[in-house]
Amino acid sequence: MSYPNYPNQPYQPQPPNPSNTLSIVGIVLGCVAFLFCPPLFGIAGIICGAIATSKGERLGKTALGVSIAGLVGGLILGFVVFQGMQGI
């Protein structure tokens, strides 16, 4: 009994997305969150970074890190500035 010879076709994983649009938007939002409205821009940057990471964008993890740092740093900076304005 002979089996037919089927050509071997190895599994080809999907190449990473060459576009970094969401990553760049996430990085910009993270930088803006450091100075202006950290909860709004920081969370939006984290969402963009997470989506970019799940899509396999090269800068996705960087966008996620910058957005988290912008959110935390902006909140701390805002707390320090407003405490100074209160005179406490």
PDB file of N, CA and C in Angstrom:
ATOM      1  N   MET A   1       0.840  -1.165   0.000  1.00  0.00           N
ATOM      2  CA  MET A   1       0.000   0.000   0.000  1.00  0.00           C
ATOM      3  C   MET A   1       0.893   1.239   0.000  1.00  0.00           C
ATOM      4  N   SER A   2       0.631   2.118  -0.920  1.00  0.00           N
ATOM      5  CA  SER A   2       1.447   3.328  -0.978  1.00  0.00           C
ATOM      6  C   SER A   2       0.580   4.546  -0.697  1.00  0.00           C
ATOM      7  N   TYR A   3       1.206   5.496  -0.066  1.00  0.00           N
ATOM      8  CA  TYR A   3       0.511   6.743   0.268  1.00  0.00           C
ATOM      9  C   TYR A   3       0.873   7.819  -0.741  1.00  0.00           C
ATOM     10  N   PRO A   4      -0.084   8.679  -1.055  1.00  0.00           N
ATOM     11  CA  PRO A   4       0.249   9.746  -2.007  1.00  0.00           C
ATOM     12  C   PRO A   4       1.221  10.736  -1.365  1.00  0.00           C
ATOM     13  N   ASN A   5       2.082  11.255  -2.167  1.00  0.00           N
ATOM     14  CA  ASN A   5       3.054  12.240  -1.686  1.00  0.00           C
ATOM     15  C   ASN A   5       2.469  13.639  -1.794  1.00  0.00           C
ATOM     16  N   TYR A   6       2.180  14.205  -0.646  1.00  0.00           N
ATOM     17  CA  TYR A   6       1.707  15.582  -0.612  1.00  0.00           C
ATOM     18  C   TYR A   6       2.891  16.475  -0.301  1.00  0.00           C
ATOM     19  N   PRO A   7       2.989  17.608  -0.968  1.00  0.00           N
ATOM     20  CA  PRO A   7       4.133  18.484  -0.666  1.00  0.00           C
ATOM     21  C   PRO A   7       4.006  19.064   0.744  1.00  0.00           C
ATOM     22  N   ASN A   8       5.109  19.067   1.432  1.00  0.00           N
ATOM     23  CA  ASN A   8       5.142  19.648   2.781  1.00  0.00           C
ATOM     24  C   ASN A   8       5.137  21.159   2.683  1.00  0.00           C
ATOM     25  N   GLN A   9       4.193  21.749   3.345  1.00  0.00           N
ATOM     26  CA  GLN A   9       4.140  23.203   3.407  1.00  0.00           C
ATOM     27  C   GLN A   9       4.209  23.602   4.874  1.00  0.00           C
ATOM     28  N   PRO A  10       5.364  24.041   5.316  1.00  0.00           N
ATOM     29  CA  PRO A  10       5.492  24.391   6.739  1.00  0.00           C
ATOM     30  C   PRO A  10       4.605  25.584   7.080  1.00  0.00           C
ATOM     31  N   TYR A  11       4.220  25.629   8.326  1.00  0.00           N
ATOM     32  CA  TYR A  11       3.373  26.716   8.811  1.00  0.00           C
ATOM     33  C   TYR A  11       4.144  28.027   8.743  1.00  0.00           C
ATOM     34  N   GLN A  12       3.534  29.025   8.126  1.00  0.00           N
ATOM     35  CA  GLN A  12       4.140  30.352   8.013  1.00  0.00           C
ATOM     36  C   GLN A  12       3.406  31.302   8.955  1.00  0.00           C
ATOM     37  N   PRO A  13       4.038  31.724  10.049  1.00  0.00           N
ATOM     38  CA  PRO A  13       3.354  32.671  10.925  1.00  0.00           C
ATOM     39  C   PRO A  13       3.164  34.018  10.235  1.00  0.00           C
ATOM     40  N   GLN A  14       2.146  34.727  10.671  1.00  0.00           N
ATOM     41  CA  GLN A  14       1.844  36.050  10.101  1.00  0.00           C
ATOM     42  C   GLN A  14       2.978  37.008  10.444  1.00  0.00           C
ATOM     43  N   PRO A  15       3.505  37.729   9.471  1.00  0.00           N
ATOM     44  CA  PRO A  15       4.566  38.690   9.787  1.00  0.00           C
ATOM     45  C   PRO A  15       4.008  39.832  10.631  1.00  0.00           C
ATOM     46  N   PRO A  16       4.854  40.437  11.479  1.00  0.00           N
ATOM     47  CA  PRO A  16       4.370  41.549  12.286  1.00  0.00           C
ATOM     48  C   PRO A  16       3.921  42.714  11.412  1.00  0.00           C
ATOM     49  N   ASN A  17       3.004  43.471  11.938  1.00  0.00           N
ATOM     50  CA  ASN A  17       2.445  44.599  11.213  1.00  0.00           C
ATOM     51  C   ASN A  17       3.528  45.669  11.014  1.00  0.00           C
ATOM     52  N   PRO A  18       3.842  46.043   9.779  1.00  0.00           N
ATOM     53  CA  PRO A  18       4.901  47.031   9.571  1.00  0.00           C
ATOM     54  C   PRO A  18       4.459  48.447   9.963  1.00  0.00           C
ATOM     55  N   SER A  19       3.171  48.665  10.119  1.00  0.00           N
ATOM     56  CA  SER A  19       2.677  49.986  10.478  1.00  0.00           C
ATOM     57  C   SER A  19       2.827  50.194  11.984  1.00  0.00           C
ATOM     58  N   ASN A  20       3.270  51.364  12.374  1.00  0.00           N
ATOM     59  CA  ASN A  20       3.415  51.698  13.788  1.00  0.00           C
ATOM     60  C   ASN A  20       2.501  52.843  14.183  1.00  0.00           C
ATOM     61  N   THR A  21       1.396  53.003  13.501  1.00  0.00           N
ATOM     62  CA  THR A  21       0.528  54.158  13.718  1.00  0.00           C
ATOM     63  C   THR A  21      -0.014  54.204  15.141  1.00  0.00           C
ATOM     64  N   LEU A  22      -0.601  53.104  15.612  1.00  0.00           N
ATOM     65  CA  LEU A  22      -1.153  53.096  16.960  1.00  0.00           C
ATOM     66  C   LEU A  22      -0.062  53.257  18.015  1.00  0.00           C
ATOM     67  N   SER A  23       1.109  52.710  17.749  1.00  0.00           N
ATOM     68  CA  SER A  23       2.213  52.857  18.694  1.00  0.00           C
ATOM     69  C   SER A  23       2.627  54.318  18.820  1.00  0.00           C
ATOM     70  N   ILE A  24       2.729  54.997  17.703  1.00  0.00           N
ATOM     71  CA  ILE A  24       3.136  56.406  17.729  1.00  0.00           C
ATOM     72  C   ILE A  24       2.070  57.253  18.413  1.00  0.00           C
ATOM     73  N   VAL A  25       0.797  56.963  18.148  1.00  0.00           N
ATOM     74  CA  VAL A  25      -0.281  57.686  18.822  1.00  0.00           C
ATOM     75  C   VAL A  25      -0.207  57.447  20.328  1.00  0.00           C
ATOM     76  N   GLY A  26       0.061  56.216  20.743  1.00  0.00           N
ATOM     77  CA  GLY A  26       0.199  55.898  22.163  1.00  0.00           C
ATOM     78  C   GLY A  26       1.355  56.616  22.817  1.00  0.00           C
ATOM     79  N   ILE A  27       2.491  56.722  22.115  1.00  0.00           N
ATOM     80  CA  ILE A  27       3.652  57.428  22.651  1.00  0.00           C
ATOM     81  C   ILE A  27       3.348  58.912  22.809  1.00  0.00           C
ATOM     82  N   VAL A  28       2.711  59.503  21.806  1.00  0.00           N
ATOM     83  CA  VAL A  28       2.365  60.932  21.880  1.00  0.00           C
ATOM     84  C   VAL A  28       1.381  61.183  23.017  1.00  0.00           C
ATOM     85  N   LEU A  29       0.367  60.331  23.146  1.00  0.00           N
ATOM     86  CA  LEU A  29      -0.601  60.509  24.228  1.00  0.00           C
ATOM     87  C   LEU A  29       0.059  60.355  25.593  1.00  0.00           C
ATOM     88  N   GLY A  30       1.015  59.448  25.717  1.00  0.00           N
ATOM     89  CA  GLY A  30       1.739  59.288  26.974  1.00  0.00           C
ATOM     90  C   GLY A  30       2.562  60.512  27.321  1.00  0.00           C
ATOM     91  N   CYS A  31       3.182  61.116  26.324  1.00  0.00           N
ATOM     92  CA  CYS A  31       3.963  62.339  26.558  1.00  0.00           C
ATOM     93  C   CYS A  31       3.054  63.509  26.927  1.00  0.00           C
ATOM     94  N   VAL A  32       1.921  63.620  26.266  1.00  0.00           N
ATOM     95  CA  VAL A  32       0.976  64.693  26.569  1.00  0.00           C
ATOM     96  C   VAL A  32       0.398  64.496  27.974  1.00  0.00           C
ATOM     97  N   ALA A  33       0.206  63.236  28.379  1.00  0.00           N
ATOM     98  CA  ALA A  33      -0.359  62.946  29.697  1.00  0.00           C
ATOM     99  C   ALA A  33       0.542  63.428  30.824  1.00  0.00           C
ATOM    100  N   PHE A  34       1.818  63.572  30.558  1.00  0.00           N
ATOM    101  CA  PHE A  34       2.737  64.038  31.600  1.00  0.00           C
ATOM    102  C   PHE A  34       2.420  65.465  32.027  1.00  0.00           C
ATOM    103  N   LEU A  35       1.894  66.285  31.108  1.00  0.00           N
ATOM    104  CA  LEU A  35       1.636  67.689  31.431  1.00  0.00           C
ATOM    105  C   LEU A  35       0.158  68.061  31.463  1.00  0.00           C
ATOM    106  N   PHE A  36      -0.677  67.415  30.665  1.00  0.00           N
ATOM    107  CA  PHE A  36      -2.073  67.813  30.541  1.00  0.00           C
ATOM    108  C   PHE A  36      -2.995  66.630  30.806  1.00  0.00           C
ATOM    109  N   CYS A  37      -3.879  66.754  31.767  1.00  0.00           N
ATOM    110  CA  CYS A  37      -4.948  65.803  32.057  1.00  0.00           C
ATOM    111  C   CYS A  37      -4.475  64.343  31.996  1.00  0.00           C
ATOM    112  N   PRO A  38      -3.623  63.936  32.939  1.00  0.00           N
ATOM    113  CA  PRO A  38      -3.072  62.575  32.902  1.00  0.00           C
ATOM    114  C   PRO A  38      -4.110  61.452  32.857  1.00  0.00           C
ATOM    115  N   PRO A  39      -5.238  61.542  33.589  1.00  0.00           N
ATOM    116  CA  PRO A  39      -6.171  60.403  33.500  1.00  0.00           C
ATOM    117  C   PRO A  39      -6.733  60.202  32.088  1.00  0.00           C
ATOM    118  N   LEU A  40      -7.033  61.266  31.397  1.00  0.00           N
ATOM    119  CA  LEU A  40      -7.622  61.154  30.062  1.00  0.00           C
ATOM    120  C   LEU A  40      -6.586  60.672  29.043  1.00  0.00           C
ATOM    121  N   PHE A  41      -5.496  61.407  28.915  1.00  0.00           N
ATOM    122  CA  PHE A  41      -4.504  61.079  27.892  1.00  0.00           C
ATOM    123  C   PHE A  41      -3.698  59.824  28.241  1.00  0.00           C
ATOM    124  N   GLY A  42      -3.436  59.617  29.521  1.00  0.00           N
ATOM    125  CA  GLY A  42      -2.679  58.433  29.932  1.00  0.00           C
ATOM    126  C   GLY A  42      -3.432  57.145  29.648  1.00  0.00           C
ATOM    127  N   ILE A  43      -4.709  57.122  30.007  1.00  0.00           N
ATOM    128  CA  ILE A  43      -5.511  55.914  29.772  1.00  0.00           C
ATOM    129  C   ILE A  43      -5.710  55.684  28.272  1.00  0.00           C
ATOM    130  N   ALA A  44      -5.921  56.759  27.517  1.00  0.00           N
ATOM    131  CA  ALA A  44      -6.050  56.615  26.057  1.00  0.00           C
ATOM    132  C   ALA A  44      -4.752  56.074  25.452  1.00  0.00           C
ATOM    133  N   GLY A  45      -3.612  56.539  25.953  1.00  0.00           N
ATOM    134  CA  GLY A  45      -2.326  56.038  25.472  1.00  0.00           C
ATOM    135  C   GLY A  45      -2.100  54.581  25.822  1.00  0.00           C
ATOM    136  N   ILE A  46      -2.530  54.182  27.039  1.00  0.00           N
ATOM    137  CA  ILE A  46      -2.399  52.786  27.449  1.00  0.00           C
ATOM    138  C   ILE A  46      -3.255  51.894  26.549  1.00  0.00           C
ATOM    139  N   ILE A  47      -4.450  52.339  26.234  1.00  0.00           N
ATOM    140  CA  ILE A  47      -5.329  51.553  25.349  1.00  0.00           C
ATOM    141  C   ILE A  47      -4.708  51.417  23.966  1.00  0.00           C
ATOM    142  N   CYS A  48      -4.194  52.529  23.421  1.00  0.00           N
ATOM    143  CA  CYS A  48      -3.546  52.461  22.095  1.00  0.00           C
ATOM    144  C   CYS A  48      -2.323  51.559  22.129  1.00  0.00           C
ATOM    145  N   GLY A  49      -1.529  51.651  23.199  1.00  0.00           N
ATOM    146  CA  GLY A  49      -0.348  50.796  23.322  1.00  0.00           C
ATOM    147  C   GLY A  49      -0.699  49.326  23.437  1.00  0.00           C
ATOM    148  N   ALA A  50      -1.766  49.020  24.175  1.00  0.00           N
ATOM    149  CA  ALA A  50      -2.177  47.626  24.322  1.00  0.00           C
ATOM    150  C   ALA A  50      -2.688  47.058  22.997  1.00  0.00           C
ATOM    151  N   ILE A  51      -3.456  47.843  22.272  1.00  0.00           N
ATOM    152  CA  ILE A  51      -3.944  47.384  20.970  1.00  0.00           C
ATOM    153  C   ILE A  51      -2.776  47.206  20.001  1.00  0.00           C
ATOM    154  N   ALA A  52      -1.837  48.141  20.023  1.00  0.00           N
ATOM    155  CA  ALA A  52      -0.671  48.038  19.135  1.00  0.00           C
ATOM    156  C   ALA A  52       0.161  46.806  19.473  1.00  0.00           C
ATOM    157  N   THR A  53       0.308  46.511  20.758  1.00  0.00           N
ATOM    158  CA  THR A  53       1.062  45.323  21.166  1.00  0.00           C
ATOM    159  C   THR A  53       0.354  44.058  20.700  1.00  0.00           C
ATOM    160  N   SER A  54      -0.962  44.016  20.823  1.00  0.00           N
ATOM    161  CA  SER A  54      -1.694  42.823  20.405  1.00  0.00           C
ATOM    162  C   SER A  54      -1.666  42.639  18.884  1.00  0.00           C
ATOM    163  N   LYS A  55      -1.533  43.741  18.145  1.00  0.00           N
ATOM    164  CA  LYS A  55      -1.431  43.652  16.688  1.00  0.00           C
ATOM    165  C   LYS A  55      -0.016  43.308  16.232  1.00  0.00           C
ATOM    166  N   GLY A  56       0.937  43.322  17.144  1.00  0.00           N
ATOM    167  CA  GLY A  56       2.308  42.968  16.807  1.00  0.00           C
ATOM    168  C   GLY A  56       3.133  44.115  16.278  1.00  0.00           C
ATOM    169  N   GLU A  57       2.737  45.342  16.587  1.00  0.00           N
ATOM    170  CA  GLU A  57       3.532  46.483  16.139  1.00  0.00           C
ATOM    171  C   GLU A  57       4.851  46.529  16.914  1.00  0.00           C
ATOM    172  N   ARG A  58       5.886  46.952  16.227  1.00  0.00           N
ATOM    173  CA  ARG A  58       7.232  46.936  16.783  1.00  0.00           C
ATOM    174  C   ARG A  58       7.373  47.847  17.998  1.00  0.00           C
ATOM    175  N   LEU A  59       6.703  48.984  18.001  1.00  0.00           N
ATOM    176  CA  LEU A  59       6.820  49.947  19.080  1.00  0.00           C
ATOM    177  C   LEU A  59       5.675  49.854  20.088  1.00  0.00           C
ATOM    178  N   GLY A  60       4.901  48.794  20.056  1.00  0.00           N
ATOM    179  CA  GLY A  60       3.742  48.654  20.926  1.00  0.00           C
ATOM    180  C   GLY A  60       4.095  48.658  22.401  1.00  0.00           C
ATOM    181  N   LYS A  61       5.115  47.900  22.773  1.00  0.00           N
ATOM    182  CA  LYS A  61       5.517  47.842  24.184  1.00  0.00           C
ATOM    183  C   LYS A  61       6.100  49.167  24.652  1.00  0.00           C
ATOM    184  N   THR A  62       6.786  49.852  23.773  1.00  0.00           N
ATOM    185  CA  THR A  62       7.314  51.170  24.110  1.00  0.00           C
ATOM    186  C   THR A  62       6.178  52.152  24.365  1.00  0.00           C
ATOM    187  N   ALA A  63       5.162  52.118  23.530  1.00  0.00           N
ATOM    188  CA  ALA A  63       4.007  52.997  23.711  1.00  0.00           C
ATOM    189  C   ALA A  63       3.303  52.704  25.024  1.00  0.00           C
ATOM    190  N   LEU A  64       3.192  51.436  25.362  1.00  0.00           N
ATOM    191  CA  LEU A  64       2.569  51.049  26.620  1.00  0.00           C
ATOM    192  C   LEU A  64       3.366  51.575  27.807  1.00  0.00           C
ATOM    193  N   GLY A  65       4.679  51.437  27.757  1.00  0.00           N
ATOM    194  CA  GLY A  65       5.534  51.923  28.843  1.00  0.00           C
ATOM    195  C   GLY A  65       5.518  53.432  28.982  1.00  0.00           C
ATOM    196  N   VAL A  66       5.589  54.138  27.864  1.00  0.00           N
ATOM    197  CA  VAL A  66       5.582  55.608  27.900  1.00  0.00           C
ATOM    198  C   VAL A  66       4.236  56.118  28.422  1.00  0.00           C
ATOM    199  N   SER A  67       3.159  55.477  28.044  1.00  0.00           N
ATOM    200  CA  SER A  67       1.837  55.906  28.495  1.00  0.00           C
ATOM    201  C   SER A  67       1.650  55.680  29.988  1.00  0.00           C
ATOM    202  N   ILE A  68       2.116  54.552  30.481  1.00  0.00           N
ATOM    203  CA  ILE A  68       2.031  54.291  31.927  1.00  0.00           C
ATOM    204  C   ILE A  68       2.889  55.288  32.686  1.00  0.00           C
ATOM    205  N   ALA A  69       4.101  55.541  32.186  1.00  0.00           N
ATOM    206  CA  ALA A  69       4.979  56.515  32.841  1.00  0.00           C
ATOM    207  C   ALA A  69       4.376  57.915  32.788  1.00  0.00           C
ATOM    208  N   GLY A  70       3.758  58.283  31.677  1.00  0.00           N
ATOM    209  CA  GLY A  70       3.120  59.593  31.565  1.00  0.00           C
ATOM    210  C   GLY A  70       1.945  59.743  32.513  1.00  0.00           C
ATOM    211  N   LEU A  71       1.167  58.675  32.664  1.00  0.00           N
ATOM    212  CA  LEU A  71       0.028  58.703  33.580  1.00  0.00           C
ATOM    213  C   LEU A  71       0.501  58.863  35.025  1.00  0.00           C
ATOM    214  N   VAL A  72       1.427  58.017  35.449  1.00  0.00           N
ATOM    215  CA  VAL A  72       1.911  58.060  36.835  1.00  0.00           C
ATOM    216  C   VAL A  72       2.679  59.348  37.095  1.00  0.00           C
ATOM    217  N   GLY A  73       3.576  59.706  36.174  1.00  0.00           N
ATOM    218  CA  GLY A  73       4.352  60.935  36.356  1.00  0.00           C
ATOM    219  C   GLY A  73       3.491  62.180  36.351  1.00  0.00           C
ATOM    220  N   GLY A  74       2.483  62.223  35.488  1.00  0.00           N
ATOM    221  CA  GLY A  74       1.580  63.365  35.435  1.00  0.00           C
ATOM    222  C   GLY A  74       0.754  63.500  36.698  1.00  0.00           C
ATOM    223  N   LEU A  75       0.303  62.368  37.250  1.00  0.00           N
ATOM    224  CA  LEU A  75      -0.453  62.413  38.499  1.00  0.00           C
ATOM    225  C   LEU A  75       0.417  62.898  39.658  1.00  0.00           C
ATOM    226  N   ILE A  76       1.639  62.409  39.718  1.00  0.00           N
ATOM    227  CA  ILE A  76       2.558  62.848  40.779  1.00  0.00           C
ATOM    228  C   ILE A  76       2.887  64.323  40.616  1.00  0.00           C
ATOM    229  N   LEU A  77       3.188  64.756  39.393  1.00  0.00           N
ATOM    230  CA  LEU A  77       3.501  66.162  39.143  1.00  0.00           C
ATOM    231  C   LEU A  77       2.309  67.053  39.491  1.00  0.00           C
ATOM    232  N   GLY A  78       1.128  66.649  39.116  1.00  0.00           N
ATOM    233  CA  GLY A  78      -0.070  67.416  39.447  1.00  0.00           C
ATOM    234  C   GLY A  78      -0.288  67.509  40.942  1.00  0.00           C
ATOM    235  N   PHE A  79      -0.055  66.425  41.664  1.00  0.00           N
ATOM    236  CA  PHE A  79      -0.205  66.437  43.107  1.00  0.00           C
ATOM    237  C   PHE A  79       0.791  67.398  43.749  1.00  0.00           C
ATOM    238  N   VAL A  80       2.048  67.351  43.308  1.00  0.00           N
ATOM    239  CA  VAL A  80       3.079  68.234  43.874  1.00  0.00           C
ATOM    240  C   VAL A  80       2.768  69.697  43.567  1.00  0.00           C
ATOM    241  N   VAL A  81       2.360  69.997  42.349  1.00  0.00           N
ATOM    242  CA  VAL A  81       2.068  71.385  41.966  1.00  0.00           C
ATOM    243  C   VAL A  81       0.882  71.916  42.750  1.00  0.00           C
ATOM    244  N   PHE A  82      -0.182  71.124  42.863  1.00  0.00           N
ATOM    245  CA  PHE A  82      -1.368  71.625  43.575  1.00  0.00           C
ATOM    246  C   PHE A  82      -1.144  71.694  45.067  1.00  0.00           C
ATOM    247  N   GLN A  83      -0.277  70.877  45.630  1.00  0.00           N
ATOM    248  CA  GLN A  83       0.077  71.011  47.050  1.00  0.00           C
ATOM    249  C   GLN A  83       0.852  72.294  47.272  1.00  0.00           C
ATOM    250  N   GLY A  84       1.714  72.649  46.347  1.00  0.00           N
ATOM    251  CA  GLY A  84       2.472  73.891  46.452  1.00  0.00           C
ATOM    252  C   GLY A  84       1.581  75.118  46.341  1.00  0.00           C
ATOM    253  N   MET A  85       0.518  75.005  45.546  1.00  0.00           N
ATOM    254  CA  MET A  85      -0.402  76.118  45.399  1.00  0.00           C
ATOM    255  C   MET A  85      -1.238  76.316  46.658  1.00  0.00           C
ATOM    256  N   GLN A  86      -1.466  75.265  47.401  1.00  0.00           N
ATOM    257  CA  GLN A  86      -2.248  75.348  48.632  1.00  0.00           C
ATOM    258  C   GLN A  86      -1.421  75.910  49.787  1.00  0.00           C
ATOM    259  N   GLY A  87      -0.102  75.846  49.660  1.00  0.00           N
ATOM    260  CA  GLY A  87       0.766  76.372  50.710  1.00  0.00           C
ATOM    261  C   GLY A  87       0.933  75.423  51.871  1.00  0.00           C
ATOM    262  N   ILE A  88       0.694  74.165  51.645  1.00  0.00           N
ATOM    263  CA  ILE A  88       0.826  73.175  52.721  1.00  0.00           C
ATOM    264  C   ILE A  88       2.230  72.636  52.753  1.00  0.00           C
TER     265      ILE A  88
END
